[in-house]
Amino acid sequence: GKFSKSRGVGVFGDMAKDTGIPADIWRFYLLYLRPEGQDSAFSWSDLMLKNNSELLNNLGNFINRAGMFVCKFFGGTVPNMVLTPDDKRLLARITLELRQYHQLLEKVRWVA
């Protein structure tokens, strides 16, 4: 059902710790499911599904493909990176955008 702290429905910090599920899995799932303005619906089967399909399969596939790409084209060693002036401008722009994004996140009012 929907999380409700007042009704005691949901898995909360102290309860999550007691499940033995690693904190990173909880972090991933809660960020994946996090509501934008309404309650979230939680189910153990959805936690398992998202962990297995989204986190493990997709992340594992990405890491495997990246590793195979490095082996196939670079002899198993990631080459040193040489940044061009365009690369440096792009990184500066990304850094600026991330700082602005972080500032906006800090302004969010957290409601307990």
N, C-alpha and C. Protein backbone atom coordinates (compact mmCIF):
# COMPACT_ATOMS: atom_id res chain seq x y z
N GLY A 1 0.82 -1.19 0.00
CA GLY A 1 0.00 0.00 0.00
C GLY A 1 0.86 1.24 0.00
N LYS A 2 0.21 2.39 0.13
CA LYS A 2 0.92 3.66 0.15
C LYS A 2 1.65 3.84 1.47
N PHE A 3 2.86 4.40 1.38
CA PHE A 3 3.59 4.74 2.59
C PHE A 3 2.76 5.70 3.43
N SER A 4 2.72 5.48 4.71
CA SER A 4 2.07 6.41 5.62
C SER A 4 2.74 6.28 6.96
N LYS A 5 3.50 7.28 7.32
CA LYS A 5 4.20 7.24 8.60
C LYS A 5 3.21 7.22 9.76
N SER A 6 2.15 8.01 9.63
CA SER A 6 1.17 8.10 10.73
C SER A 6 0.42 6.78 10.92
N ARG A 7 0.18 6.02 9.85
CA ARG A 7 -0.50 4.73 9.97
C ARG A 7 0.48 3.57 10.13
N GLY A 8 1.78 3.86 10.07
CA GLY A 8 2.78 2.81 10.23
C GLY A 8 2.87 1.88 9.03
N VAL A 9 2.52 2.39 7.84
CA VAL A 9 2.57 1.58 6.63
C VAL A 9 3.83 1.96 5.86
N GLY A 10 4.67 0.98 5.60
CA GLY A 10 5.89 1.24 4.86
C GLY A 10 7.08 0.64 5.58
N VAL A 11 8.22 0.82 4.98
CA VAL A 11 9.47 0.37 5.57
C VAL A 11 10.26 1.63 5.85
N PHE A 12 10.58 1.85 7.10
CA PHE A 12 11.28 3.06 7.51
C PHE A 12 12.71 2.72 7.90
N GLY A 13 13.53 3.75 8.09
CA GLY A 13 14.96 3.56 8.31
C GLY A 13 15.34 2.45 9.26
N ASP A 14 14.75 2.45 10.44
CA ASP A 14 15.11 1.42 11.42
C ASP A 14 14.66 0.03 10.95
N MET A 15 13.53 -0.04 10.27
CA MET A 15 13.04 -1.33 9.78
C MET A 15 13.87 -1.80 8.59
N ALA A 16 14.26 -0.89 7.72
CA ALA A 16 15.05 -1.25 6.55
C ALA A 16 16.37 -1.88 6.97
N LYS A 17 16.97 -1.33 8.00
CA LYS A 17 18.24 -1.85 8.50
C LYS A 17 18.09 -3.30 8.95
N ASP A 18 16.96 -3.60 9.58
CA ASP A 18 16.73 -4.95 10.11
C ASP A 18 16.48 -6.00 9.03
N THR A 19 16.20 -5.58 7.80
CA THR A 19 15.94 -6.54 6.73
C THR A 19 17.21 -7.24 6.26
N GLY A 20 18.36 -6.60 6.49
CA GLY A 20 19.62 -7.16 6.00
C GLY A 20 19.90 -6.81 4.55
N ILE A 21 18.99 -6.07 3.93
CA ILE A 21 19.20 -5.63 2.54
C ILE A 21 20.23 -4.49 2.57
N PRO A 22 21.28 -4.55 1.76
CA PRO A 22 22.31 -3.51 1.79
C PRO A 22 21.72 -2.11 1.55
N ALA A 23 22.30 -1.13 2.21
CA ALA A 23 21.81 0.25 2.13
C ALA A 23 21.80 0.78 0.70
N ASP A 24 22.77 0.40 -0.11
CA ASP A 24 22.82 0.90 -1.49
C ASP A 24 21.61 0.43 -2.31
N ILE A 25 21.13 -0.77 -2.04
CA ILE A 25 19.94 -1.25 -2.74
C ILE A 25 18.73 -0.42 -2.33
N TRP A 26 18.60 -0.13 -1.03
CA TRP A 26 17.51 0.74 -0.57
C TRP A 26 17.62 2.12 -1.20
N ARG A 27 18.83 2.67 -1.23
CA ARG A 27 19.02 4.00 -1.82
C ARG A 27 18.58 4.02 -3.28
N PHE A 28 19.03 3.02 -4.03
CA PHE A 28 18.64 2.94 -5.43
C PHE A 28 17.12 2.87 -5.56
N TYR A 29 16.50 1.97 -4.83
CA TYR A 29 15.06 1.77 -4.98
C TYR A 29 14.26 3.01 -4.57
N LEU A 30 14.62 3.60 -3.47
CA LEU A 30 13.88 4.78 -3.01
C LEU A 30 14.07 5.97 -3.94
N LEU A 31 15.25 6.12 -4.51
CA LEU A 31 15.45 7.18 -5.49
C LEU A 31 14.69 6.89 -6.78
N TYR A 32 14.64 5.62 -7.16
CA TYR A 32 13.91 5.22 -8.36
C TYR A 32 12.41 5.46 -8.20
N LEU A 33 11.91 5.19 -6.99
CA LEU A 33 10.48 5.23 -6.72
C LEU A 33 10.00 6.56 -6.17
N ARG A 34 10.92 7.41 -5.76
CA ARG A 34 10.57 8.59 -4.99
C ARG A 34 9.46 9.41 -5.63
N PRO A 35 8.52 9.82 -4.82
CA PRO A 35 7.39 10.59 -5.34
C PRO A 35 7.76 12.05 -5.56
N GLU A 36 7.03 12.69 -6.44
CA GLU A 36 7.25 14.12 -6.69
C GLU A 36 6.24 14.97 -5.93
N GLY A 37 5.16 14.42 -5.48
CA GLY A 37 4.18 15.23 -4.77
C GLY A 37 3.08 14.42 -4.13
N GLN A 38 3.18 13.11 -4.24
CA GLN A 38 2.16 12.25 -3.65
C GLN A 38 2.84 11.08 -2.97
N ASP A 39 2.05 10.25 -2.29
CA ASP A 39 2.60 9.09 -1.62
C ASP A 39 3.10 8.07 -2.64
N SER A 40 4.03 7.23 -2.22
CA SER A 40 4.54 6.16 -3.07
C SER A 40 3.88 4.85 -2.65
N ALA A 41 3.70 3.98 -3.59
CA ALA A 41 3.23 2.63 -3.28
C ALA A 41 4.46 1.73 -3.20
N PHE A 42 4.56 0.95 -2.13
CA PHE A 42 5.70 0.07 -1.91
C PHE A 42 5.22 -1.37 -1.94
N SER A 43 6.02 -2.22 -2.58
CA SER A 43 5.77 -3.66 -2.47
C SER A 43 7.12 -4.37 -2.51
N TRP A 44 7.20 -5.45 -1.77
CA TRP A 44 8.44 -6.22 -1.74
C TRP A 44 8.75 -6.79 -3.13
N SER A 45 7.70 -7.21 -3.84
CA SER A 45 7.94 -7.78 -5.17
C SER A 45 8.47 -6.72 -6.12
N ASP A 46 8.00 -5.46 -5.98
CA ASP A 46 8.52 -4.39 -6.84
C ASP A 46 9.97 -4.06 -6.50
N LEU A 47 10.29 -4.07 -5.20
CA LEU A 47 11.68 -3.86 -4.79
C LEU A 47 12.58 -4.91 -5.43
N MET A 48 12.16 -6.17 -5.39
CA MET A 48 12.95 -7.25 -5.98
C MET A 48 13.05 -7.08 -7.50
N LEU A 49 11.92 -6.76 -8.13
CA LEU A 49 11.91 -6.59 -9.58
C LEU A 49 12.83 -5.46 -10.02
N LYS A 50 12.73 -4.29 -9.38
CA LYS A 50 13.56 -3.14 -9.76
C LYS A 50 15.03 -3.43 -9.49
N ASN A 51 15.32 -4.10 -8.38
CA ASN A 51 16.71 -4.43 -8.07
C ASN A 51 17.28 -5.37 -9.13
N ASN A 52 16.51 -6.39 -9.49
CA ASN A 52 17.01 -7.38 -10.44
C ASN A 52 17.03 -6.87 -11.87
N SER A 53 15.97 -6.17 -12.29
CA SER A 53 15.91 -5.77 -13.69
C SER A 53 16.60 -4.45 -13.96
N GLU A 54 16.34 -3.46 -13.17
CA GLU A 54 16.91 -2.12 -13.43
C GLU A 54 18.35 -2.01 -12.95
N LEU A 55 18.59 -2.39 -11.72
CA LEU A 55 19.92 -2.20 -11.15
C LEU A 55 20.90 -3.28 -11.61
N LEU A 56 20.60 -4.52 -11.34
CA LEU A 56 21.56 -5.59 -11.64
C LEU A 56 21.70 -5.85 -13.13
N ASN A 57 20.59 -6.05 -13.82
CA ASN A 57 20.68 -6.38 -15.25
C ASN A 57 21.23 -5.22 -16.06
N ASN A 58 20.66 -4.04 -15.90
CA ASN A 58 21.08 -2.90 -16.71
C ASN A 58 22.49 -2.44 -16.36
N LEU A 59 22.77 -2.29 -15.08
CA LEU A 59 24.11 -1.86 -14.67
C LEU A 59 25.14 -2.93 -15.02
N GLY A 60 24.81 -4.18 -14.74
CA GLY A 60 25.73 -5.28 -15.08
C GLY A 60 26.00 -5.35 -16.57
N ASN A 61 24.97 -5.16 -17.38
CA ASN A 61 25.13 -5.17 -18.83
C ASN A 61 26.02 -4.02 -19.28
N PHE A 62 25.81 -2.83 -18.71
CA PHE A 62 26.63 -1.67 -19.06
C PHE A 62 28.10 -1.92 -18.72
N ILE A 63 28.36 -2.43 -17.52
CA ILE A 63 29.74 -2.67 -17.10
C ILE A 63 30.38 -3.75 -17.98
N ASN A 64 29.64 -4.81 -18.28
CA ASN A 64 30.16 -5.86 -19.14
C ASN A 64 30.50 -5.33 -20.54
N ARG A 65 29.61 -4.54 -21.11
CA ARG A 65 29.85 -4.00 -22.45
C ARG A 65 31.06 -3.05 -22.46
N ALA A 66 31.14 -2.22 -21.42
CA ALA A 66 32.28 -1.30 -21.34
C ALA A 66 33.59 -2.07 -21.24
N GLY A 67 33.60 -3.11 -20.41
CA GLY A 67 34.81 -3.92 -20.26
C GLY A 67 35.19 -4.62 -21.55
N MET A 68 34.20 -5.16 -22.26
CA MET A 68 34.47 -5.83 -23.53
C MET A 68 34.97 -4.83 -24.59
N PHE A 69 34.42 -3.63 -24.57
CA PHE A 69 34.86 -2.59 -25.50
C PHE A 69 36.33 -2.24 -25.26
N VAL A 70 36.70 -2.08 -23.99
CA VAL A 70 38.09 -1.76 -23.64
C VAL A 70 39.02 -2.90 -24.06
N CYS A 71 38.59 -4.12 -23.83
CA CYS A 71 39.43 -5.27 -24.22
C CYS A 71 39.58 -5.36 -25.72
N LYS A 72 38.48 -5.18 -26.45
CA LYS A 72 38.49 -5.34 -27.90
C LYS A 72 39.29 -4.26 -28.61
N PHE A 73 39.13 -3.00 -28.17
CA PHE A 73 39.73 -1.89 -28.91
C PHE A 73 40.97 -1.28 -28.27
N PHE A 74 41.22 -1.59 -26.99
CA PHE A 74 42.34 -0.95 -26.30
C PHE A 74 43.22 -1.94 -25.57
N GLY A 75 43.16 -3.20 -25.95
CA GLY A 75 44.04 -4.20 -25.34
C GLY A 75 43.85 -4.38 -23.85
N GLY A 76 42.65 -4.10 -23.36
CA GLY A 76 42.34 -4.31 -21.95
C GLY A 76 42.82 -3.21 -21.03
N THR A 77 43.33 -2.13 -21.59
CA THR A 77 43.82 -1.01 -20.78
C THR A 77 43.15 0.28 -21.23
N VAL A 78 42.58 0.99 -20.30
CA VAL A 78 41.97 2.27 -20.63
C VAL A 78 43.07 3.26 -20.94
N PRO A 79 43.06 3.85 -22.15
CA PRO A 79 44.14 4.78 -22.52
C PRO A 79 44.03 6.10 -21.74
N ASN A 80 45.16 6.78 -21.65
CA ASN A 80 45.15 8.11 -21.02
C ASN A 80 44.27 9.05 -21.83
N MET A 81 43.58 9.91 -21.14
CA MET A 81 42.69 10.85 -21.80
C MET A 81 43.41 12.16 -22.07
N VAL A 82 43.26 12.63 -23.27
CA VAL A 82 43.80 13.94 -23.65
C VAL A 82 42.61 14.82 -24.00
N LEU A 83 42.43 15.87 -23.20
CA LEU A 83 41.27 16.76 -23.40
C LEU A 83 41.60 17.86 -24.40
N THR A 84 40.69 18.04 -25.33
CA THR A 84 40.81 19.13 -26.30
C THR A 84 40.20 20.38 -25.68
N PRO A 85 40.43 21.55 -26.27
CA PRO A 85 39.76 22.76 -25.77
C PRO A 85 38.24 22.62 -25.76
N ASP A 86 37.66 21.95 -26.75
CA ASP A 86 36.21 21.72 -26.77
C ASP A 86 35.78 20.84 -25.60
N ASP A 87 36.58 19.82 -25.30
CA ASP A 87 36.28 18.95 -24.15
C ASP A 87 36.27 19.77 -22.86
N LYS A 88 37.25 20.63 -22.71
CA LYS A 88 37.35 21.44 -21.49
C LYS A 88 36.18 22.40 -21.36
N ARG A 89 35.74 22.97 -22.48
CA ARG A 89 34.56 23.86 -22.45
C ARG A 89 33.31 23.07 -22.07
N LEU A 90 33.18 21.87 -22.61
CA LEU A 90 32.03 21.04 -22.28
C LEU A 90 32.04 20.68 -20.80
N LEU A 91 33.18 20.29 -20.26
CA LEU A 91 33.28 19.96 -18.84
C LEU A 91 32.96 21.17 -17.96
N ALA A 92 33.41 22.35 -18.37
CA ALA A 92 33.10 23.56 -17.60
C ALA A 92 31.59 23.81 -17.60
N ARG A 93 30.96 23.62 -18.74
CA ARG A 93 29.50 23.81 -18.84
C ARG A 93 28.76 22.79 -17.98
N ILE A 94 29.19 21.54 -18.03
CA ILE A 94 28.56 20.49 -17.22
C ILE A 94 28.73 20.81 -15.74
N THR A 95 29.92 21.25 -15.35
CA THR A 95 30.17 21.61 -13.95
C THR A 95 29.23 22.72 -13.50
N LEU A 96 29.06 23.73 -14.33
CA LEU A 96 28.15 24.83 -14.01
C LEU A 96 26.72 24.32 -13.85
N GLU A 97 26.27 23.50 -14.78
CA GLU A 97 24.90 22.96 -14.72
C GLU A 97 24.71 22.11 -13.47
N LEU A 98 25.70 21.29 -13.14
CA LEU A 98 25.59 20.46 -11.94
C LEU A 98 25.55 21.30 -10.67
N ARG A 99 26.33 22.36 -10.62
CA ARG A 99 26.29 23.26 -9.46
C ARG A 99 24.92 23.90 -9.31
N GLN A 100 24.35 24.35 -10.43
CA GLN A 100 23.02 24.95 -10.39
C GLN A 100 21.98 23.92 -9.97
N TYR A 101 22.08 22.73 -10.49
CA TYR A 101 21.17 21.64 -10.12
C TYR A 101 21.26 21.35 -8.63
N HIS A 102 22.48 21.28 -8.12
CA HIS A 102 22.69 21.02 -6.70
C HIS A 102 22.09 22.15 -5.84
N GLN A 103 22.27 23.39 -6.27
CA GLN A 103 21.69 24.51 -5.54
C GLN A 103 20.16 24.41 -5.50
N LEU A 104 19.56 24.03 -6.61
CA LEU A 104 18.11 23.87 -6.65
C LEU A 104 17.64 22.73 -5.75
N LEU A 105 18.41 21.64 -5.72
CA LEU A 105 18.06 20.53 -4.82
C LEU A 105 18.13 20.98 -3.37
N GLU A 106 19.11 21.80 -3.04
CA GLU A 106 19.25 22.28 -1.66
C GLU A 106 18.07 23.15 -1.24
N LYS A 107 17.40 23.78 -2.20
CA LYS A 107 16.27 24.65 -1.89
C LYS A 107 14.97 23.87 -1.68
N VAL A 108 14.97 22.58 -2.01
CA VAL A 108 13.76 21.77 -1.86
C VAL A 108 13.42 21.68 -0.37
N ARG A 109 12.17 21.87 -0.08
CA ARG A 109 11.72 21.77 1.32
C ARG A 109 11.36 20.31 1.60
N TRP A 110 12.08 19.70 2.52
CA TRP A 110 11.82 18.30 2.87
C TRP A 110 10.71 18.26 3.91
N VAL A 111 9.71 17.47 3.67
CA VAL A 111 8.58 17.33 4.59
C VAL A 111 8.65 15.93 5.18
N ALA A 112 8.64 15.88 6.49
CA ALA A 112 8.73 14.57 7.16
C ALA A 112 7.35 14.03 7.44
